Amino acid sequence: QVHLVESGGGLVQPGGSLRLSCAASGSIHTIRVMGWYRQTPGKQRELVATITEGGSIVYDDSLKDRFTLSRDDAKNTVYLEMNRLSPEDTAVYYCYAGSTVLDDEHDWWGQGTQVTVSS
């Protein structure tokens, strides 16, 4: 199995920045894609950004000018740099990993970290 632990969430004023971290452990050799999703009450969980093992990054088009996804393979960790935050960005942010074992795909989720943008 894969365990994902997020950190870096908190309270920030509009226009500010935060960096989220997600550290993976367990069967990390099976991971093919990692990234971030977010969810607010009454809304579906939505894509923020993902990165494949080959290094291809996909952003939500509305976020790609403000959010930056990066990866440190040595630390089995992905990061999400969030800039020019607005109250609309308030959500629980979840780390995601997709893994494959003998053609069997599994989805893994972190516990979530709260990001609140408010003055």
PDB file of N, CA and C in Angstrom:
ATOM      1  N   GLN A   1       0.813  -1.170   0.000  1.00  0.00           N
ATOM      2  CA  GLN A   1       0.000   0.000   0.000  1.00  0.00           C
ATOM      3  C   GLN A   1       0.869   1.252   0.000  1.00  0.00           C
ATOM      4  N   VAL A   2       0.231   2.378  -0.284  1.00  0.00           N
ATOM      5  CA  VAL A   2       0.898   3.664  -0.322  1.00  0.00           C
ATOM      6  C   VAL A   2       0.263   4.568   0.719  1.00  0.00           C
ATOM      7  N   HIS A   3       1.101   5.242   1.495  1.00  0.00           N
ATOM      8  CA  HIS A   3       0.637   6.225   2.457  1.00  0.00           C
ATOM      9  C   HIS A   3       1.076   7.607   2.007  1.00  0.00           C
ATOM     10  N   LEU A   4       0.169   8.563   2.112  1.00  0.00           N
ATOM     11  CA  LEU A   4       0.419   9.933   1.710  1.00  0.00           C
ATOM     12  C   LEU A   4       0.141  10.851   2.891  1.00  0.00           C
ATOM     13  N   VAL A   5       1.081  11.728   3.188  1.00  0.00           N
ATOM     14  CA  VAL A   5       0.953  12.652   4.307  1.00  0.00           C
ATOM     15  C   VAL A   5       1.170  14.063   3.802  1.00  0.00           C
ATOM     16  N   GLU A   6       0.132  14.897   3.931  1.00  0.00           N
ATOM     17  CA  GLU A   6       0.208  16.290   3.506  1.00  0.00           C
ATOM     18  C   GLU A   6       0.627  17.188   4.659  1.00  0.00           C
ATOM     19  N   SER A   7       1.208  18.317   4.313  1.00  0.00           N
ATOM     20  CA  SER A   7       1.528  19.342   5.290  1.00  0.00           C
ATOM     21  C   SER A   7       1.591  20.687   4.583  1.00  0.00           C
ATOM     22  N   GLY A   8       1.542  21.753   5.362  1.00  0.00           N
ATOM     23  CA  GLY A   8       1.714  23.087   4.826  1.00  0.00           C
ATOM     24  C   GLY A   8       0.459  23.927   4.741  1.00  0.00           C
ATOM     25  N   GLY A   9      -0.696  23.352   5.020  1.00  0.00           N
ATOM     26  CA  GLY A   9      -1.921  24.124   4.980  1.00  0.00           C
ATOM     27  C   GLY A   9      -2.007  25.094   6.138  1.00  0.00           C
ATOM     28  N   GLY A  10      -2.980  25.987   6.049  1.00  0.00           N
ATOM     29  CA  GLY A  10      -3.170  26.958   7.103  1.00  0.00           C
ATOM     30  C   GLY A  10      -3.979  28.140   6.638  1.00  0.00           C
ATOM     31  N   LEU A  11      -3.917  29.210   7.418  1.00  0.00           N
ATOM     32  CA  LEU A  11      -4.639  30.445   7.143  1.00  0.00           C
ATOM     33  C   LEU A  11      -3.710  31.445   6.477  1.00  0.00           C
ATOM     34  N   VAL A  12      -4.181  32.053   5.396  1.00  0.00           N
ATOM     35  CA  VAL A  12      -3.395  33.039   4.671  1.00  0.00           C
ATOM     36  C   VAL A  12      -4.320  34.144   4.186  1.00  0.00           C
ATOM     37  N   GLN A  13      -3.804  35.357   4.113  1.00  0.00           N
ATOM     38  CA  GLN A  13      -4.593  36.483   3.627  1.00  0.00           C
ATOM     39  C   GLN A  13      -4.675  36.482   2.108  1.00  0.00           C
ATOM     40  N   PRO A  14      -5.735  37.073   1.558  1.00  0.00           N
ATOM     41  CA  PRO A  14      -5.810  37.178   0.098  1.00  0.00           C
ATOM     42  C   PRO A  14      -4.556  37.814  -0.489  1.00  0.00           C
ATOM     43  N   GLY A  15      -4.099  37.246  -1.590  1.00  0.00           N
ATOM     44  CA  GLY A  15      -2.874  37.695  -2.218  1.00  0.00           C
ATOM     45  C   GLY A  15      -1.628  37.008  -1.724  1.00  0.00           C
ATOM     46  N   GLY A  16      -1.743  36.239  -0.659  1.00  0.00           N
ATOM     47  CA  GLY A  16      -0.598  35.562  -0.093  1.00  0.00           C
ATOM     48  C   GLY A  16      -0.295  34.248  -0.777  1.00  0.00           C
ATOM     49  N   SER A  17       0.688  33.534  -0.227  1.00  0.00           N
ATOM     50  CA  SER A  17       1.168  32.285  -0.805  1.00  0.00           C
ATOM     51  C   SER A  17       1.306  31.218   0.263  1.00  0.00           C
ATOM     52  N   LEU A  18       1.186  29.973  -0.169  1.00  0.00           N
ATOM     53  CA  LEU A  18       1.442  28.810   0.663  1.00  0.00           C
ATOM     54  C   LEU A  18       2.107  27.745  -0.184  1.00  0.00           C
ATOM     55  N   ARG A  19       2.899  26.886   0.469  1.00  0.00           N
ATOM     56  CA  ARG A  19       3.458  25.726  -0.190  1.00  0.00           C
ATOM     57  C   ARG A  19       3.026  24.472   0.555  1.00  0.00           C
ATOM     58  N   LEU A  20       2.350  23.581  -0.146  1.00  0.00           N
ATOM     59  CA  LEU A  20       1.936  22.301   0.398  1.00  0.00           C
ATOM     60  C   LEU A  20       2.949  21.226   0.035  1.00  0.00           C
ATOM     61  N   SER A  21       3.120  20.263   0.942  1.00  0.00           N
ATOM     62  CA  SER A  21       4.002  19.137   0.704  1.00  0.00           C
ATOM     63  C   SER A  21       3.227  17.838   0.880  1.00  0.00           C
ATOM     64  N   CYS A  22       3.592  16.831   0.113  1.00  0.00           N
ATOM     65  CA  CYS A  22       3.004  15.504   0.239  1.00  0.00           C
ATOM     66  C   CYS A  22       4.113  14.479   0.139  1.00  0.00           C
ATOM     67  N   ALA A  23       4.332  13.742   1.222  1.00  0.00           N
ATOM     68  CA  ALA A  23       5.357  12.707   1.272  1.00  0.00           C
ATOM     69  C   ALA A  23       4.712  11.339   1.143  1.00  0.00           C
ATOM     70  N   ALA A  24       5.222  10.531   0.229  1.00  0.00           N
ATOM     71  CA  ALA A  24       4.717   9.182  -0.002  1.00  0.00           C
ATOM     72  C   ALA A  24       5.619   8.158   0.657  1.00  0.00           C
ATOM     73  N   SER A  25       5.009   7.099   1.170  1.00  0.00           N
ATOM     74  CA  SER A  25       5.753   5.989   1.741  1.00  0.00           C
ATOM     75  C   SER A  25       5.030   4.694   1.418  1.00  0.00           C
ATOM     76  N   GLY A  26       5.677   3.577   1.700  1.00  0.00           N
ATOM     77  CA  GLY A  26       5.119   2.279   1.369  1.00  0.00           C
ATOM     78  C   GLY A  26       5.643   1.787   0.030  1.00  0.00           C
ATOM     79  N   SER A  27       4.741   1.321  -0.818  1.00  0.00           N
ATOM     80  CA  SER A  27       5.114   0.770  -2.121  1.00  0.00           C
ATOM     81  C   SER A  27       5.283   1.883  -3.144  1.00  0.00           C
ATOM     82  N   ILE A  28       6.253   2.748  -2.888  1.00  0.00           N
ATOM     83  CA  ILE A  28       6.411   3.926  -3.732  1.00  0.00           C
ATOM     84  C   ILE A  28       6.852   3.565  -5.144  1.00  0.00           C
ATOM     85  N   HIS A  29       7.451   2.401  -5.328  1.00  0.00           N
ATOM     86  CA  HIS A  29       7.897   2.000  -6.657  1.00  0.00           C
ATOM     87  C   HIS A  29       6.734   1.729  -7.603  1.00  0.00           C
ATOM     88  N   THR A  30       5.531   1.568  -7.064  1.00  0.00           N
ATOM     89  CA  THR A  30       4.357   1.310  -7.890  1.00  0.00           C
ATOM     90  C   THR A  30       3.668   2.590  -8.357  1.00  0.00           C
ATOM     91  N   ILE A  31       4.072   3.733  -7.832  1.00  0.00           N
ATOM     92  CA  ILE A  31       3.387   4.989  -8.135  1.00  0.00           C
ATOM     93  C   ILE A  31       3.701   5.433  -9.556  1.00  0.00           C
ATOM     94  N   ARG A  32       2.667   5.755 -10.311  1.00  0.00           N
ATOM     95  CA  ARG A  32       2.812   6.230 -11.681  1.00  0.00           C
ATOM     96  C   ARG A  32       2.435   7.692 -11.846  1.00  0.00           C
ATOM     97  N   VAL A  33       1.607   8.216 -10.942  1.00  0.00           N
ATOM     98  CA  VAL A  33       1.204   9.609 -11.011  1.00  0.00           C
ATOM     99  C   VAL A  33       0.926  10.110  -9.601  1.00  0.00           C
ATOM    100  N   MET A  34       1.271  11.356  -9.339  1.00  0.00           N
ATOM    101  CA  MET A  34       0.974  12.001  -8.066  1.00  0.00           C
ATOM    102  C   MET A  34       0.483  13.411  -8.333  1.00  0.00           C
ATOM    103  N   GLY A  35      -0.252  13.950  -7.381  1.00  0.00           N
ATOM    104  CA  GLY A  35      -0.706  15.313  -7.542  1.00  0.00           C
ATOM    105  C   GLY A  35      -1.639  15.742  -6.436  1.00  0.00           C
ATOM    106  N   TRP A  36      -2.408  16.780  -6.740  1.00  0.00           N
ATOM    107  CA  TRP A  36      -3.278  17.422  -5.768  1.00  0.00           C
ATOM    108  C   TRP A  36      -4.662  17.641  -6.322  1.00  0.00           C
ATOM    109  N   TYR A  37      -5.656  17.410  -5.488  1.00  0.00           N
ATOM    110  CA  TYR A  37      -7.043  17.770  -5.725  1.00  0.00           C
ATOM    111  C   TYR A  37      -7.523  18.617  -4.557  1.00  0.00           C
ATOM    112  N   ARG A  38      -8.650  19.305  -4.738  1.00  0.00           N
ATOM    113  CA  ARG A  38      -9.204  20.085  -3.645  1.00  0.00           C
ATOM    114  C   ARG A  38     -10.726  19.954  -3.639  1.00  0.00           C
ATOM    115  N   GLN A  39     -11.313  20.210  -2.463  1.00  0.00           N
ATOM    116  CA  GLN A  39     -12.750  20.048  -2.303  1.00  0.00           C
ATOM    117  C   GLN A  39     -13.280  21.019  -1.260  1.00  0.00           C
ATOM    118  N   THR A  40     -14.414  21.645  -1.569  1.00  0.00           N
ATOM    119  CA  THR A  40     -15.131  22.502  -0.638  1.00  0.00           C
ATOM    120  C   THR A  40     -16.515  21.916  -0.416  1.00  0.00           C
ATOM    121  N   PRO A  41     -17.173  22.258   0.705  1.00  0.00           N
ATOM    122  CA  PRO A  41     -18.515  21.725   0.948  1.00  0.00           C
ATOM    123  C   PRO A  41     -19.477  22.040  -0.188  1.00  0.00           C
ATOM    124  N   GLY A  42     -20.212  21.039  -0.618  1.00  0.00           N
ATOM    125  CA  GLY A  42     -21.181  21.211  -1.685  1.00  0.00           C
ATOM    126  C   GLY A  42     -20.623  21.118  -3.086  1.00  0.00           C
ATOM    127  N   LYS A  43     -19.325  20.894  -3.218  1.00  0.00           N
ATOM    128  CA  LYS A  43     -18.703  20.784  -4.529  1.00  0.00           C
ATOM    129  C   LYS A  43     -17.973  19.452  -4.649  1.00  0.00           C
ATOM    130  N   GLN A  44     -17.809  18.996  -5.889  1.00  0.00           N
ATOM    131  CA  GLN A  44     -17.040  17.793  -6.148  1.00  0.00           C
ATOM    132  C   GLN A  44     -15.549  18.064  -5.972  1.00  0.00           C
ATOM    133  N   ARG A  45     -14.829  17.024  -5.632  1.00  0.00           N
ATOM    134  CA  ARG A  45     -13.384  17.138  -5.590  1.00  0.00           C
ATOM    135  C   ARG A  45     -12.865  17.420  -6.999  1.00  0.00           C
ATOM    136  N   GLU A  46     -12.011  18.410  -7.126  1.00  0.00           N
ATOM    137  CA  GLU A  46     -11.558  18.849  -8.431  1.00  0.00           C
ATOM    138  C   GLU A  46     -10.041  18.805  -8.541  1.00  0.00           C
ATOM    139  N   LEU A  47      -9.587  18.592  -9.757  1.00  0.00           N
ATOM    140  CA  LEU A  47      -8.165  18.530 -10.046  1.00  0.00           C
ATOM    141  C   LEU A  47      -7.507  19.874  -9.804  1.00  0.00           C
ATOM    142  N   VAL A  48      -6.343  19.849  -9.178  1.00  0.00           N
ATOM    143  CA  VAL A  48      -5.460  20.998  -9.116  1.00  0.00           C
ATOM    144  C   VAL A  48      -4.301  20.800 -10.081  1.00  0.00           C
ATOM    145  N   ALA A  49      -3.528  19.738  -9.876  1.00  0.00           N
ATOM    146  CA  ALA A  49      -2.403  19.435 -10.748  1.00  0.00           C
ATOM    147  C   ALA A  49      -1.931  18.018 -10.480  1.00  0.00           C
ATOM    148  N   THR A  50      -1.405  17.362 -11.516  1.00  0.00           N
ATOM    149  CA  THR A  50      -0.812  16.040 -11.374  1.00  0.00           C
ATOM    150  C   THR A  50       0.476  15.972 -12.175  1.00  0.00           C
ATOM    151  N   ILE A  51       1.346  15.048 -11.785  1.00  0.00           N
ATOM    152  CA  ILE A  51       2.589  14.803 -12.503  1.00  0.00           C
ATOM    153  C   ILE A  51       2.767  13.305 -12.653  1.00  0.00           C
ATOM    154  N   THR A  52       3.123  12.852 -13.855  1.00  0.00           N
ATOM    155  CA  THR A  52       3.350  11.439 -14.111  1.00  0.00           C
ATOM    156  C   THR A  52       4.790  11.073 -13.812  1.00  0.00           C
ATOM    157  N   GLU A  53       5.071   9.768 -13.797  1.00  0.00           N
ATOM    158  CA  GLU A  53       6.433   9.315 -13.556  1.00  0.00           C
ATOM    159  C   GLU A  53       7.382   9.795 -14.643  1.00  0.00           C
ATOM    160  N   GLY A  54       6.856  10.082 -15.824  1.00  0.00           N
ATOM    161  CA  GLY A  54       7.669  10.619 -16.897  1.00  0.00           C
ATOM    162  C   GLY A  54       7.884  12.112 -16.824  1.00  0.00           C
ATOM    163  N   GLY A  55       7.239  12.777 -15.863  1.00  0.00           N
ATOM    164  CA  GLY A  55       7.447  14.198 -15.671  1.00  0.00           C
ATOM    165  C   GLY A  55       6.428  15.095 -16.339  1.00  0.00           C
ATOM    166  N   SER A  56       5.389  14.537 -16.931  1.00  0.00           N
ATOM    167  CA  SER A  56       4.352  15.347 -17.561  1.00  0.00           C
ATOM    168  C   SER A  56       3.414  15.907 -16.499  1.00  0.00           C
ATOM    169  N   ILE A  57       3.202  17.213 -16.521  1.00  0.00           N
ATOM    170  CA  ILE A  57       2.379  17.894 -15.535  1.00  0.00           C
ATOM    171  C   ILE A  57       1.108  18.406 -16.192  1.00  0.00           C
ATOM    172  N   VAL A  58      -0.011  18.199 -15.526  1.00  0.00           N
ATOM    173  CA  VAL A  58      -1.299  18.703 -15.966  1.00  0.00           C
ATOM    174  C   VAL A  58      -1.875  19.584 -14.871  1.00  0.00           C
ATOM    175  N   TYR A  59      -2.242  20.812 -15.227  1.00  0.00           N
ATOM    176  CA  TYR A  59      -2.884  21.741 -14.318  1.00  0.00           C
ATOM    177  C   TYR A  59      -4.322  21.976 -14.739  1.00  0.00           C
ATOM    178  N   ASP A  60      -5.168  22.284 -13.773  1.00  0.00           N
ATOM    179  CA  ASP A  60      -6.435  22.893 -14.110  1.00  0.00           C
ATOM    180  C   ASP A  60      -6.145  24.230 -14.781  1.00  0.00           C
ATOM    181  N   ASP A  61      -6.819  24.498 -15.904  1.00  0.00           N
ATOM    182  CA  ASP A  61      -6.496  25.684 -16.679  1.00  0.00           C
ATOM    183  C   ASP A  61      -6.681  26.977 -15.892  1.00  0.00           C
ATOM    184  N   SER A  62      -7.610  26.987 -14.959  1.00  0.00           N
ATOM    185  CA  SER A  62      -7.863  28.193 -14.188  1.00  0.00           C
ATOM    186  C   SER A  62      -6.820  28.442 -13.110  1.00  0.00           C
ATOM    187  N   LEU A  63      -5.947  27.485 -12.860  1.00  0.00           N
ATOM    188  CA  LEU A  63      -4.980  27.587 -11.778  1.00  0.00           C
ATOM    189  C   LEU A  63      -3.535  27.634 -12.234  1.00  0.00           C
ATOM    190  N   LYS A  64      -3.255  27.286 -13.462  1.00  0.00           N
ATOM    191  CA  LYS A  64      -1.882  27.067 -13.884  1.00  0.00           C
ATOM    192  C   LYS A  64      -1.034  28.331 -13.879  1.00  0.00           C
ATOM    193  N   ASP A  65      -1.652  29.498 -13.871  1.00  0.00           N
ATOM    194  CA  ASP A  65      -0.883  30.733 -13.815  1.00  0.00           C
ATOM    195  C   ASP A  65      -0.507  31.128 -12.392  1.00  0.00           C
ATOM    196  N   ARG A  66      -1.075  30.458 -11.401  1.00  0.00           N
ATOM    197  CA  ARG A  66      -0.813  30.788 -10.003  1.00  0.00           C
ATOM    198  C   ARG A  66      -0.220  29.641  -9.202  1.00  0.00           C
ATOM    199  N   PHE A  67      -0.491  28.414  -9.609  1.00  0.00           N
ATOM    200  CA  PHE A  67      -0.043  27.236  -8.865  1.00  0.00           C
ATOM    201  C   PHE A  67       1.063  26.524  -9.629  1.00  0.00           C
ATOM    202  N   THR A  68       2.040  26.008  -8.896  1.00  0.00           N
ATOM    203  CA  THR A  68       3.155  25.293  -9.493  1.00  0.00           C
ATOM    204  C   THR A  68       3.373  23.975  -8.769  1.00  0.00           C
ATOM    205  N   LEU A  69       3.367  22.884  -9.524  1.00  0.00           N
ATOM    206  CA  LEU A  69       3.614  21.552  -8.985  1.00  0.00           C
ATOM    207  C   LEU A  69       5.062  21.165  -9.243  1.00  0.00           C
ATOM    208  N   SER A  70       5.705  20.569  -8.244  1.00  0.00           N
ATOM    209  CA  SER A  70       7.066  20.087  -8.407  1.00  0.00           C
ATOM    210  C   SER A  70       7.239  18.775  -7.658  1.00  0.00           C
ATOM    211  N   ARG A  71       8.353  18.098  -7.934  1.00  0.00           N
ATOM    212  CA  ARG A  71       8.582  16.771  -7.368  1.00  0.00           C
ATOM    213  C   ARG A  71      10.041  16.602  -7.000  1.00  0.00           C
ATOM    214  N   ASP A  72      10.271  15.937  -5.874  1.00  0.00           N
ATOM    215  CA  ASP A  72      11.599  15.555  -5.435  1.00  0.00           C
ATOM    216  C   ASP A  72      11.601  14.032  -5.339  1.00  0.00           C
ATOM    217  N   ASP A  73      12.142  13.378  -6.361  1.00  0.00           N
ATOM    218  CA  ASP A  73      12.112  11.915  -6.404  1.00  0.00           C
ATOM    219  C   ASP A  73      12.889  11.289  -5.244  1.00  0.00           C
ATOM    220  N   ALA A  74      13.996  11.904  -4.854  1.00  0.00           N
ATOM    221  CA  ALA A  74      14.803  11.361  -3.775  1.00  0.00           C
ATOM    222  C   ALA A  74      14.049  11.325  -2.459  1.00  0.00           C
ATOM    223  N   LYS A  75      13.134  12.266  -2.268  1.00  0.00           N
ATOM    224  CA  LYS A  75      12.355  12.341  -1.039  1.00  0.00           C
ATOM    225  C   LYS A  75      10.947  11.773  -1.189  1.00  0.00           C
ATOM    226  N   ASN A  76      10.620  11.271  -2.379  1.00  0.00           N
ATOM    227  CA  ASN A  76       9.279  10.744  -2.646  1.00  0.00           C
ATOM    228  C   ASN A  76       8.208  11.764  -2.261  1.00  0.00           C
ATOM    229  N   THR A  77       8.430  12.998  -2.639  1.00  0.00           N
ATOM    230  CA  THR A  77       7.597  14.099  -2.199  1.00  0.00           C
ATOM    231  C   THR A  77       7.214  14.983  -3.379  1.00  0.00           C
ATOM    232  N   VAL A  78       5.966  15.434  -3.384  1.00  0.00           N
ATOM    233  CA  VAL A  78       5.516  16.441  -4.332  1.00  0.00           C
ATOM    234  C   VAL A  78       5.129  17.695  -3.568  1.00  0.00           C
ATOM    235  N   TYR A  79       5.249  18.831  -4.237  1.00  0.00           N
ATOM    236  CA  TYR A  79       4.972  20.121  -3.642  1.00  0.00           C
ATOM    237  C   TYR A  79       3.989  20.886  -4.512  1.00  0.00           C
ATOM    238  N   LEU A  80       3.202  21.717  -3.875  1.00  0.00           N
ATOM    239  CA  LEU A  80       2.296  22.612  -4.577  1.00  0.00           C
ATOM    240  C   LEU A  80       2.514  24.021  -4.054  1.00  0.00           C
ATOM    241  N   GLU A  81       3.100  24.866  -4.885  1.00  0.00           N
ATOM    242  CA  GLU A  81       3.282  26.272  -4.560  1.00  0.00           C
ATOM    243  C   GLU A  81       2.064  27.037  -5.041  1.00  0.00           C
ATOM    244  N   MET A  82       1.388  27.709  -4.135  1.00  0.00           N
ATOM    245  CA  MET A  82       0.168  28.435  -4.434  1.00  0.00           C
ATOM    246  C   MET A  82       0.417  29.918  -4.205  1.00  0.00           C
ATOM    247  N   ASN A  83       0.203  30.708  -5.243  1.00  0.00           N
ATOM    248  CA  ASN A  83       0.470  32.144  -5.202  1.00  0.00           C
ATOM    249  C   ASN A  83      -0.789  32.941  -5.499  1.00  0.00           C
ATOM    250  N   ARG A  84      -0.784  34.200  -5.067  1.00  0.00           N
ATOM    251  CA  ARG A  84      -1.907  35.119  -5.288  1.00  0.00           C
ATOM    252  C   ARG A  84      -3.227  34.455  -4.912  1.00  0.00           C
ATOM    253  N   LEU A  85      -3.267  33.932  -3.711  1.00  0.00           N
ATOM    254  CA  LEU A  85      -4.436  33.201  -3.253  1.00  0.00           C
ATOM    255  C   LEU A  85      -5.623  34.133  -3.023  1.00  0.00           C
ATOM    256  N   SER A  86      -6.804  33.604  -3.273  1.00  0.00           N
ATOM    257  CA  SER A  86      -8.048  34.318  -3.060  1.00  0.00           C
ATOM    258  C   SER A  86      -8.984  33.456  -2.226  1.00  0.00           C
ATOM    259  N   PRO A  87     -10.036  34.040  -1.645  1.00  0.00           N
ATOM    260  CA  PRO A  87     -10.983  33.228  -0.877  1.00  0.00           C
ATOM    261  C   PRO A  87     -11.557  32.050  -1.650  1.00  0.00           C
ATOM    262  N   GLU A  88     -11.643  32.165  -2.971  1.00  0.00           N
ATOM    263  CA  GLU A  88     -12.129  31.075  -3.810  1.00  0.00           C
ATOM    264  C   GLU A  88     -11.249  29.832  -3.706  1.00  0.00           C
ATOM    265  N   ASP A  89     -10.002  30.010  -3.295  1.00  0.00           N
ATOM    266  CA  ASP A  89      -9.084  28.887  -3.162  1.00  0.00           C
ATOM    267  C   ASP A  89      -9.244  28.143  -1.844  1.00  0.00           C
ATOM    268  N   THR A  90     -10.073  28.643  -0.945  1.00  0.00           N
ATOM    269  CA  THR A  90     -10.301  27.967   0.325  1.00  0.00           C
ATOM    270  C   THR A  90     -10.896  26.591   0.083  1.00  0.00           C
ATOM    271  N   ALA A  91     -10.249  25.562   0.622  1.00  0.00           N
ATOM    272  CA  ALA A  91     -10.683  24.190   0.401  1.00  0.00           C
ATOM    273  C   ALA A  91      -9.820  23.262   1.240  1.00  0.00           C
ATOM    274  N   VAL A  92     -10.236  22.002   1.307  1.00  0.00           N
ATOM    275  CA  VAL A  92      -9.369  20.945   1.780  1.00  0.00           C
ATOM    276  C   VAL A  92      -8.603  20.417   0.582  1.00  0.00           C
ATOM    277  N   TYR A  93      -7.297  20.427   0.682  1.00  0.00           N
ATOM    278  CA  TYR A  93      -6.437  19.978  -0.403  1.00  0.00           C
ATOM    279  C   TYR A  93      -5.961  18.562  -0.098  1.00  0.00           C
ATOM    280  N   TYR A  94      -6.165  17.657  -1.062  1.00  0.00           N
ATOM    281  CA  TYR A  94      -5.840  16.248  -0.897  1.00  0.00           C
ATOM    282  C   TYR A  94      -4.712  15.846  -1.839  1.00  0.00           C
ATOM    283  N   CYS A  95      -3.724  15.184  -1.285  1.00  0.00           N
ATOM    284  CA  CYS A  95      -2.689  14.582  -2.108  1.00  0.00           C
ATOM    285  C   CYS A  95      -3.212  13.286  -2.709  1.00  0.00           C
ATOM    286  N   TYR A  96      -2.823  13.030  -3.952  1.00  0.00           N
ATOM    287  CA  TYR A  96      -3.274  11.849  -4.686  1.00  0.00           C
ATOM    288  C   TYR A  96      -2.088  11.098  -5.266  1.00  0.00           C
ATOM    289  N   ALA A  97      -2.197   9.775  -5.269  1.00  0.00           N
ATOM    290  CA  ALA A  97      -1.233   8.939  -5.964  1.00  0.00           C
ATOM    291  C   ALA A  97      -1.967   7.818  -6.672  1.00  0.00           C
ATOM    292  N   GLY A  98      -1.573   7.549  -7.897  1.00  0.00           N
ATOM    293  CA  GLY A  98      -2.072   6.418  -8.648  1.00  0.00           C
ATOM    294  C   GLY A  98      -0.959   5.423  -8.868  1.00  0.00           C
ATOM    295  N   SER A  99      -1.214   4.167  -8.542  1.00  0.00           N
ATOM    296  CA  SER A  99      -0.192   3.132  -8.657  1.00  0.00           C
ATOM    297  C   SER A  99      -0.715   1.970  -9.474  1.00  0.00           C
ATOM    298  N   THR A 100       0.215   1.200 -10.015  1.00  0.00           N
ATOM    299  CA  THR A 100      -0.111   0.055 -10.849  1.00  0.00           C
ATOM    300  C   THR A 100       0.734  -1.139 -10.428  1.00  0.00           C
ATOM    301  N   VAL A 101       0.078  -2.269 -10.167  1.00  0.00           N
ATOM    302  CA  VAL A 101       0.744  -3.515  -9.828  1.00  0.00           C
ATOM    303  C   VAL A 101       0.131  -4.621 -10.680  1.00  0.00           C
ATOM    304  N   LEU A 102       0.925  -5.191 -11.580  1.00  0.00           N
ATOM    305  CA  LEU A 102       0.449  -6.254 -12.475  1.00  0.00           C
ATOM    306  C   LEU A 102      -0.827  -5.827 -13.196  1.00  0.00           C
ATOM    307  N   ASP A 103      -0.808  -4.629 -13.735  1.00  0.00           N
ATOM    308  CA  ASP A 103      -1.903  -4.042 -14.505  1.00  0.00           C
ATOM    309  C   ASP A 103      -3.131  -3.708 -13.660  1.00  0.00           C
ATOM    310  N   ASP A 104      -3.023  -3.826 -12.353  1.00  0.00           N
ATOM    311  CA  ASP A 104      -4.114  -3.477 -11.450  1.00  0.00           C
ATOM    312  C   ASP A 104      -3.849  -2.079 -10.905  1.00  0.00           C
ATOM    313  N   GLU A 105      -4.757  -1.153 -11.158  1.00  0.00           N
ATOM    314  CA  GLU A 105      -4.585   0.234 -10.752  1.00  0.00           C
ATOM    315  C   GLU A 105      -5.242   0.502  -9.407  1.00  0.00           C
ATOM    316  N   HIS A 106      -4.565   1.333  -8.597  1.00  0.00           N
ATOM    317  CA  HIS A 106      -5.065   1.717  -7.285  1.00  0.00           C
ATOM    318  C   HIS A 106      -4.928   3.225  -7.111  1.00  0.00           C
ATOM    319  N   ASP A 107      -5.914   3.805  -6.476  1.00  0.00           N
ATOM    320  CA  ASP A 107      -5.896   5.219  -6.124  1.00  0.00           C
ATOM    321  C   ASP A 107      -5.653   5.363  -4.629  1.00  0.00           C
ATOM    322  N   TRP A 108      -4.768   6.285  -4.268  1.00  0.00           N
ATOM    323  CA  TRP A 108      -4.428   6.534  -2.880  1.00  0.00           C
ATOM    324  C   TRP A 108      -4.617   8.012  -2.577  1.00  0.00           C
ATOM    325  N   TRP A 109      -5.117   8.300  -1.377  1.00  0.00           N
ATOM    326  CA  TRP A 109      -5.410   9.666  -0.972  1.00  0.00           C
ATOM    327  C   TRP A 109      -4.823   9.967   0.388  1.00  0.00           C
ATOM    328  N   GLY A 110      -4.318  11.173   0.533  1.00  0.00           N
ATOM    329  CA  GLY A 110      -3.919  11.651   1.838  1.00  0.00           C
ATOM    330  C   GLY A 110      -5.127  12.053   2.667  1.00  0.00           C
ATOM    331  N   GLN A 111      -4.863  12.436   3.906  1.00  0.00           N
ATOM    332  CA  GLN A 111      -5.959  12.792   4.808  1.00  0.00           C
ATOM    333  C   GLN A 111      -6.531  14.177   4.529  1.00  0.00           C
ATOM    334  N   GLY A 112      -5.838  14.976   3.766  1.00  0.00           N
ATOM    335  CA  GLY A 112      -6.270  16.323   3.447  1.00  0.00           C
ATOM    336  C   GLY A 112      -5.674  17.349   4.384  1.00  0.00           C
ATOM    337  N   THR A 113      -5.439  18.535   3.852  1.00  0.00           N
ATOM    338  CA  THR A 113      -4.958  19.647   4.652  1.00  0.00           C
ATOM    339  C   THR A 113      -5.775  20.885   4.300  1.00  0.00           C
ATOM    340  N   GLN A 114      -6.223  21.594   5.322  1.00  0.00           N
ATOM    341  CA  GLN A 114      -7.106  22.743   5.128  1.00  0.00           C
ATOM    342  C   GLN A 114      -6.311  23.970   4.712  1.00  0.00           C
ATOM    343  N   VAL A 115      -6.780  24.625   3.668  1.00  0.00           N
ATOM    344  CA  VAL A 115      -6.261  25.921   3.245  1.00  0.00           C
ATOM    345  C   VAL A 115      -7.398  26.923   3.336  1.00  0.00           C
ATOM    346  N   THR A 116      -7.212  27.958   4.131  1.00  0.00           N
ATOM    347  CA  THR A 116      -8.222  28.995   4.308  1.00  0.00           C
ATOM    348  C   THR A 116      -7.629  30.335   3.923  1.00  0.00           C
ATOM    349  N   VAL A 117      -8.274  31.003   2.979  1.00  0.00           N
ATOM    350  CA  VAL A 117      -7.832  32.314   2.503  1.00  0.00           C
ATOM    351  C   VAL A 117      -8.865  33.334   2.969  1.00  0.00           C
ATOM    352  N   SER A 118      -8.481  34.173   3.894  1.00  0.00           N
ATOM    353  CA  SER A 118      -9.417  35.115   4.493  1.00  0.00           C
ATOM    354  C   SER A 118      -8.664  36.272   5.113  1.00  0.00           C
ATOM    355  N   SER A 119      -9.295  37.435   5.094  1.00  0.00           N
ATOM    356  CA  SER A 119      -8.751  38.606   5.763  1.00  0.00           C
ATOM    357  C   SER A 119      -9.374  38.806   7.133  1.00  0.00           C
TER     358      SER A 119
END
